[in-house]
Amino acid sequence: MWIVYLAIIALLIVLSAVVIYHDTHNFKVYEYEVSTDKLDGDYVFVFLTDLHGYFYGKGNERLIEAADRISPDAILCAGDMITASKSHRNVEVDSGLRLLEELASKYPVYVSNGNHEEKIKTYRDSFGNLFDRYKNRLIRAGVKYLENSSVMMEGTNIRVTGLCLPLGFFTKIVKVKMSDGYLDTLIGRVNSAEKENFQLLIAHNPIYFKNYAKWGADLSLAGHVHGGIIRLPLLGGVISPAISLFPKYDGGKYEEDGSTMILSRGLGTHTIHVRMFNPGEVSVIRLKGKKNVT
């Protein structure tokens, strides 16, 4: 009988290895729909995040082809396109740069920082001016790089804001509390006139979704959690980068006081190079306007 048990265990190990290999090297297109009475038209966005220097084909051609099939009105990116470690100063930037540059030649692209971009920006003693070179190259390609700043999406009343939280808000194990009004100090308050605009917030860390909703975000776009690395039926994602088991926000669409968050499962890996029952994600967001519709 023990031979049977060993055979079953060996089979499970092999099947797990196959799933991990597949999910670590492939992505899936997820579709989300968000309705709003602030818009009188419909828009389609492709949302990318957490590439972490990975290449899906030469020059990330598989990702570019996926975006081209969708033909979006804009590309939105929540950062962590690179992986930065203070102990390893060689940072893979080509993957994210080439992808965003190519997409910017075809579509409007809006980018904000993840914690890894914030890391190379903050620790200049380790990374020098790498962040400035990375950012400026994207700006030269036509990318709208939003660091705690906002811009109106051309031809629309969609206001896009890129939130860049300090690294203290990405601590492990213990969640740092965000005080009421803190976002106002970083990205300004949504005043009465701006409330008429659709507020789209690119905010890498999803755990502060309630704060984003209170600030006035109609739609928040986040990543960071990588879908929980391993996903289990009914239980969802297993662990977050903050070393939180079965995180509340692991991937998908969430609602809070009339505000919506789309949390991407991300595209790459770092540190733990495993994805299981959890392929990478290309998010397609379809904004449905209801304004003036009777």
Protein backbone atom coordinates (compact mmCIF):
# COMPACT_ATOMS: atom_id res chain seq x y z
CA MET A 1 0.00 0.00 0.00
CA TRP A 2 2.84 2.41 0.80
CA ILE A 3 3.96 2.12 -2.84
CA VAL A 4 0.56 3.39 -3.92
CA TYR A 5 0.84 6.32 -1.51
CA LEU A 6 4.29 7.17 -2.81
CA ALA A 7 3.05 6.99 -6.38
CA ILE A 8 0.16 9.34 -5.57
CA ILE A 9 2.51 11.78 -3.84
CA ALA A 10 4.93 11.68 -6.77
CA LEU A 11 2.07 12.30 -9.20
CA LEU A 12 0.85 15.26 -7.17
CA ILE A 13 4.35 16.72 -7.10
CA VAL A 14 4.67 16.38 -10.87
CA LEU A 15 1.22 17.90 -11.49
CA SER A 16 2.01 20.77 -9.13
CA ALA A 17 5.29 21.43 -10.94
CA VAL A 18 3.45 21.51 -14.27
CA VAL A 19 0.85 23.97 -12.94
CA ILE A 20 3.52 26.19 -11.39
CA TYR A 21 5.55 26.25 -14.60
CA HIS A 22 2.48 27.08 -16.68
CA ASP A 23 1.15 29.79 -14.40
CA THR A 24 4.57 31.41 -13.94
CA HIS A 25 5.08 31.69 -17.71
CA ASN A 26 1.59 32.59 -18.91
CA PHE A 27 -1.07 35.22 -18.40
CA LYS A 28 -4.83 35.43 -18.71
CA VAL A 29 -7.00 38.32 -19.87
CA TYR A 30 -9.57 39.29 -17.22
CA GLU A 31 -12.55 41.49 -18.14
CA TYR A 32 -14.14 43.98 -15.73
CA GLU A 33 -17.08 46.34 -16.23
CA VAL A 34 -17.59 49.53 -14.24
CA SER A 35 -20.70 51.69 -14.69
CA THR A 36 -20.87 55.37 -13.81
CA ASP A 37 -23.26 58.28 -14.28
CA LYS A 38 -20.31 60.68 -14.51
CA LEU A 39 -19.54 59.71 -18.10
CA ASP A 40 -21.68 59.98 -21.20
CA GLY A 41 -19.59 57.56 -23.25
CA ASP A 42 -17.90 54.19 -22.96
CA TYR A 43 -14.14 53.63 -22.62
CA VAL A 44 -11.86 50.61 -22.67
CA PHE A 45 -8.57 50.47 -20.78
CA VAL A 46 -5.83 47.87 -20.50
CA PHE A 47 -4.35 47.75 -17.00
CA LEU A 48 -0.86 46.29 -16.40
CA THR A 49 1.11 45.96 -13.19
CA ASP A 50 3.82 43.96 -11.40
CA LEU A 51 5.78 42.78 -14.44
CA HIS A 52 8.94 42.64 -12.30
CA GLY A 53 11.30 42.52 -15.26
CA TYR A 54 9.72 39.45 -16.85
CA PHE A 55 9.53 39.00 -20.63
CA TYR A 56 6.51 37.40 -22.25
CA GLY A 57 8.20 36.65 -25.54
CA LYS A 58 10.84 38.73 -27.28
CA GLY A 59 10.31 42.37 -26.33
CA ASN A 60 7.16 41.28 -24.47
CA GLU A 61 5.48 40.71 -27.82
CA ARG A 62 2.79 38.52 -26.27
CA LEU A 63 1.65 41.37 -24.03
CA ILE A 64 1.75 43.86 -26.89
CA GLU A 65 -0.29 41.53 -29.09
CA ALA A 66 -2.85 41.11 -26.30
CA ALA A 67 -3.18 44.89 -25.97
CA ASP A 68 -3.48 45.30 -29.74
CA ARG A 69 -6.31 42.77 -29.89
CA ILE A 70 -8.20 44.89 -27.36
CA SER A 71 -7.28 48.23 -29.00
CA PRO A 72 -7.86 50.24 -25.80
CA ASP A 73 -8.47 53.94 -25.37
CA ALA A 74 -5.49 54.00 -22.98
CA ILE A 75 -2.99 51.85 -21.12
CA LEU A 76 -2.83 52.22 -17.33
CA CYS A 77 0.08 50.94 -15.26
CA ALA A 78 0.41 50.71 -11.45
CA GLY A 79 4.15 50.12 -11.35
CA ASP A 80 6.49 47.40 -10.11
CA MET A 81 7.57 46.87 -13.68
CA ILE A 82 11.04 46.29 -12.19
CA THR A 83 12.44 44.41 -9.21
CA ALA A 84 14.80 46.36 -6.98
CA SER A 85 16.85 44.89 -4.15
CA LYS A 86 19.39 46.87 -2.15
CA SER A 87 21.56 43.76 -1.96
CA HIS A 88 21.53 43.35 -5.77
CA ARG A 89 22.09 46.66 -7.47
CA ASN A 90 21.65 45.35 -11.00
CA VAL A 91 18.01 46.13 -11.77
CA GLU A 92 16.25 44.71 -14.84
CA VAL A 93 14.61 47.76 -16.39
CA ASP A 94 14.59 46.84 -20.09
CA SER A 95 11.49 44.68 -19.86
CA GLY A 96 9.23 47.40 -18.48
CA LEU A 97 10.85 50.17 -20.50
CA ARG A 98 10.53 48.43 -23.85
CA LEU A 99 6.97 47.35 -23.18
CA LEU A 100 5.75 50.78 -22.11
CA GLU A 101 7.67 52.57 -24.88
CA GLU A 102 6.16 50.32 -27.53
CA LEU A 103 2.66 50.74 -26.11
CA ALA A 104 3.15 54.52 -25.88
CA SER A 105 3.82 54.59 -29.63
CA LYS A 106 0.26 53.35 -30.17
CA TYR A 107 -1.84 54.40 -27.18
CA PRO A 108 -1.95 57.00 -24.42
CA VAL A 109 -0.09 55.48 -21.45
CA TYR A 110 -0.47 56.55 -17.81
CA VAL A 111 2.04 55.21 -15.27
CA SER A 112 2.58 55.54 -11.54
CA ASN A 113 5.05 53.98 -9.13
CA GLY A 114 4.91 50.69 -7.31
CA ASN A 115 7.03 50.11 -4.23
CA HIS A 116 9.97 48.90 -6.34
CA GLU A 117 10.12 52.14 -8.33
CA GLU A 118 9.81 53.98 -5.02
CA LYS A 119 12.74 51.93 -3.73
CA ILE A 120 15.15 52.98 -6.49
CA LYS A 121 13.89 56.53 -6.13
CA THR A 122 14.42 56.57 -2.35
CA TYR A 123 17.73 54.69 -2.00
CA ARG A 124 19.90 56.76 -4.28
CA ASP A 125 23.01 55.67 -2.40
CA SER A 126 22.38 52.17 -3.75
CA PHE A 127 20.80 52.92 -7.14
CA GLY A 128 22.18 56.32 -8.09
CA ASN A 129 20.02 58.20 -10.59
CA LEU A 130 18.45 55.04 -12.03
CA PHE A 131 14.93 56.21 -11.23
CA ASP A 132 15.44 59.55 -12.98
CA ARG A 133 16.80 57.81 -16.08
CA TYR A 134 13.94 55.30 -16.07
CA LYS A 135 11.27 57.95 -15.64
CA ASN A 136 12.74 60.41 -18.14
CA ARG A 137 13.08 57.77 -20.83
CA LEU A 138 9.39 56.93 -20.47
CA ILE A 139 8.44 60.60 -20.55
CA ARG A 140 10.43 61.04 -23.77
CA ALA A 141 8.41 58.15 -25.22
CA GLY A 142 5.22 60.07 -24.47
CA VAL A 143 4.20 58.31 -21.26
CA LYS A 144 2.24 60.38 -18.72
CA TYR A 145 4.25 59.66 -15.56
CA LEU A 146 2.16 60.51 -12.52
CA GLU A 147 3.93 60.91 -9.17
CA ASN A 148 1.33 62.17 -6.72
CA SER A 149 -0.07 64.23 -9.55
CA SER A 150 -3.12 64.29 -11.76
CA VAL A 151 -3.96 64.87 -15.39
CA MET A 152 -7.17 64.98 -17.39
CA MET A 153 -7.42 62.22 -19.95
CA GLU A 154 -7.57 64.03 -23.27
CA GLY A 155 -11.06 64.42 -24.73
CA THR A 156 -12.78 63.12 -21.59
CA ASN A 157 -13.78 64.21 -18.11
CA ILE A 158 -11.71 61.39 -16.62
CA ARG A 159 -9.14 62.68 -14.13
CA VAL A 160 -6.25 60.25 -13.69
CA THR A 161 -4.22 60.49 -10.47
CA GLY A 162 -1.06 58.53 -9.72
CA LEU A 163 -0.54 57.86 -6.01
CA CYS A 164 3.01 57.13 -4.84
CA LEU A 165 3.00 56.05 -1.21
CA PRO A 166 6.21 56.19 0.85
CA LEU A 167 7.87 52.84 1.47
CA GLY A 168 6.63 52.81 5.06
CA PHE A 169 3.21 51.86 3.75
CA PHE A 170 4.63 48.63 2.31
CA THR A 171 5.95 47.14 5.54
CA LYS A 172 5.65 43.42 6.15
CA ILE A 173 3.44 41.77 8.77
CA VAL A 174 2.22 45.00 10.42
CA LYS A 175 -0.10 47.27 8.42
CA VAL A 176 0.73 50.94 8.87
CA LYS A 177 -2.42 52.92 9.59
CA MET A 178 -3.23 55.71 7.15
CA SER A 179 -4.77 58.71 8.88
CA ASP A 180 -7.84 60.46 7.51
CA GLY A 181 -6.83 63.27 5.19
CA TYR A 182 -3.35 61.87 4.56
CA LEU A 183 -4.08 61.37 0.87
CA ASP A 184 -5.06 65.05 0.64
CA THR A 185 -1.52 65.97 1.65
CA LEU A 186 -0.05 63.77 -1.10
CA ILE A 187 -2.38 64.22 -4.05
CA GLY A 188 -4.66 67.08 -3.05
CA ARG A 189 -8.31 67.12 -2.13
CA VAL A 190 -11.06 66.36 -4.62
CA ASN A 191 -12.86 69.70 -4.55
CA SER A 192 -16.51 70.30 -5.42
CA ALA A 193 -15.77 71.16 -9.05
CA GLU A 194 -13.57 68.09 -9.54
CA LYS A 195 -16.26 65.80 -8.12
CA GLU A 196 -18.06 66.19 -11.45
CA ASN A 197 -15.12 64.41 -13.10
CA PHE A 198 -14.64 60.67 -12.99
CA GLN A 199 -11.77 60.15 -10.52
CA LEU A 200 -9.48 57.31 -11.60
CA LEU A 201 -6.78 56.60 -9.02
CA ILE A 202 -3.73 54.46 -9.81
CA ALA A 203 -2.65 53.23 -6.37
CA HIS A 204 -0.31 50.25 -6.16
CA ASN A 205 -1.19 49.03 -2.65
CA PRO A 206 -4.77 47.70 -2.37
CA ILE A 207 -4.97 47.46 1.42
CA TYR A 208 -5.84 51.16 1.68
CA PHE A 209 -8.90 50.88 -0.56
CA LYS A 210 -11.18 52.39 2.10
CA ASN A 211 -8.93 55.46 2.21
CA TYR A 212 -9.05 55.72 -1.57
CA ALA A 213 -12.84 55.58 -1.48
CA LYS A 214 -13.02 58.27 1.22
CA TRP A 215 -10.64 60.47 -0.79
CA GLY A 216 -13.09 60.39 -3.69
CA ALA A 217 -11.82 57.75 -6.10
CA ASP A 218 -14.54 56.44 -8.37
CA LEU A 219 -12.19 53.71 -9.59
CA SER A 220 -8.92 52.61 -7.99
CA LEU A 221 -6.43 50.39 -9.80
CA ALA A 222 -4.03 48.33 -7.68
CA GLY A 223 -1.64 45.40 -7.81
CA HIS A 224 1.17 44.42 -5.41
CA VAL A 225 -0.43 41.22 -4.01
CA HIS A 226 0.30 38.98 -7.03
CA GLY A 227 -3.05 37.27 -6.55
CA GLY A 228 -1.80 35.72 -3.33
CA ILE A 229 0.92 33.76 -5.20
CA ILE A 230 -0.96 30.46 -4.75
CA ARG A 231 -4.75 30.42 -5.08
CA LEU A 232 -6.95 27.77 -3.49
CA PRO A 233 -10.60 27.01 -4.27
CA LEU A 234 -13.00 28.96 -2.01
CA LEU A 235 -10.08 30.38 0.02
CA GLY A 236 -8.49 32.55 -2.68
CA GLY A 237 -4.93 33.88 -2.47
CA VAL A 238 -2.73 32.30 0.16
CA ILE A 239 -0.20 35.00 1.06
CA SER A 240 0.51 38.65 0.33
CA PRO A 241 3.89 40.45 0.06
CA ALA A 242 3.18 41.78 3.55
CA ILE A 243 3.27 38.14 4.71
CA SER A 244 -0.45 38.22 5.46
CA LEU A 245 -2.21 34.88 5.09
CA PHE A 246 -5.36 34.80 2.97
CA PRO A 247 -5.40 38.59 2.39
CA LYS A 248 -8.77 40.33 2.20
CA TYR A 249 -7.84 41.86 -1.15
CA ASP A 250 -6.15 39.31 -3.41
CA GLY A 251 -7.50 39.92 -6.90
CA GLY A 252 -10.62 40.96 -8.76
CA LYS A 253 -13.27 43.65 -8.33
CA TYR A 254 -14.23 45.23 -5.01
CA GLU A 255 -16.83 47.83 -3.96
CA GLU A 256 -16.74 50.32 -1.09
CA ASP A 257 -19.26 53.14 -0.54
CA GLY A 258 -19.94 53.59 -4.24
CA SER A 259 -16.24 53.30 -5.13
CA THR A 260 -14.74 50.43 -7.14
CA MET A 261 -11.28 48.86 -7.01
CA ILE A 262 -9.85 46.58 -9.68
CA LEU A 263 -7.01 44.58 -8.17
CA SER A 264 -4.83 42.88 -10.76
CA ARG A 265 -3.07 39.63 -9.98
CA GLY A 266 -0.02 41.10 -11.72
CA LEU A 267 2.24 39.68 -14.40
CA GLY A 268 5.52 38.64 -12.83
CA THR A 269 7.13 37.33 -9.68
CA HIS A 270 9.98 38.27 -7.38
CA THR A 271 11.72 36.65 -4.42
CA ILE A 272 9.34 33.65 -4.53
CA HIS A 273 9.23 32.76 -8.21
CA VAL A 274 6.03 30.77 -7.97
CA ARG A 275 2.50 31.19 -9.22
CA MET A 276 0.05 28.32 -8.74
CA PHE A 277 -3.56 28.24 -9.97
CA ASN A 278 -2.77 31.89 -10.55
CA PRO A 279 -1.48 32.87 -14.00
CA GLY A 280 -0.47 36.46 -14.68
CA GLU A 281 -3.18 38.99 -15.44
CA VAL A 282 -3.85 41.48 -18.20
CA SER A 283 -6.86 43.48 -17.01
CA VAL A 284 -9.40 44.89 -19.44
CA ILE A 285 -11.57 47.56 -17.84
CA ARG A 286 -14.73 48.64 -19.64
CA LEU A 287 -16.13 51.90 -18.33
CA LYS A 288 -19.83 52.20 -19.12
CA GLY A 289 -21.16 55.75 -19.03
CA LYS A 290 -24.78 56.30 -17.97
CA LYS A 291 -24.89 60.10 -18.06
CA ASN A 292 -27.92 61.53 -19.86
CA VAL A 293 -29.33 58.05 -20.37
CA THR A 294 -33.06 57.83 -19.58
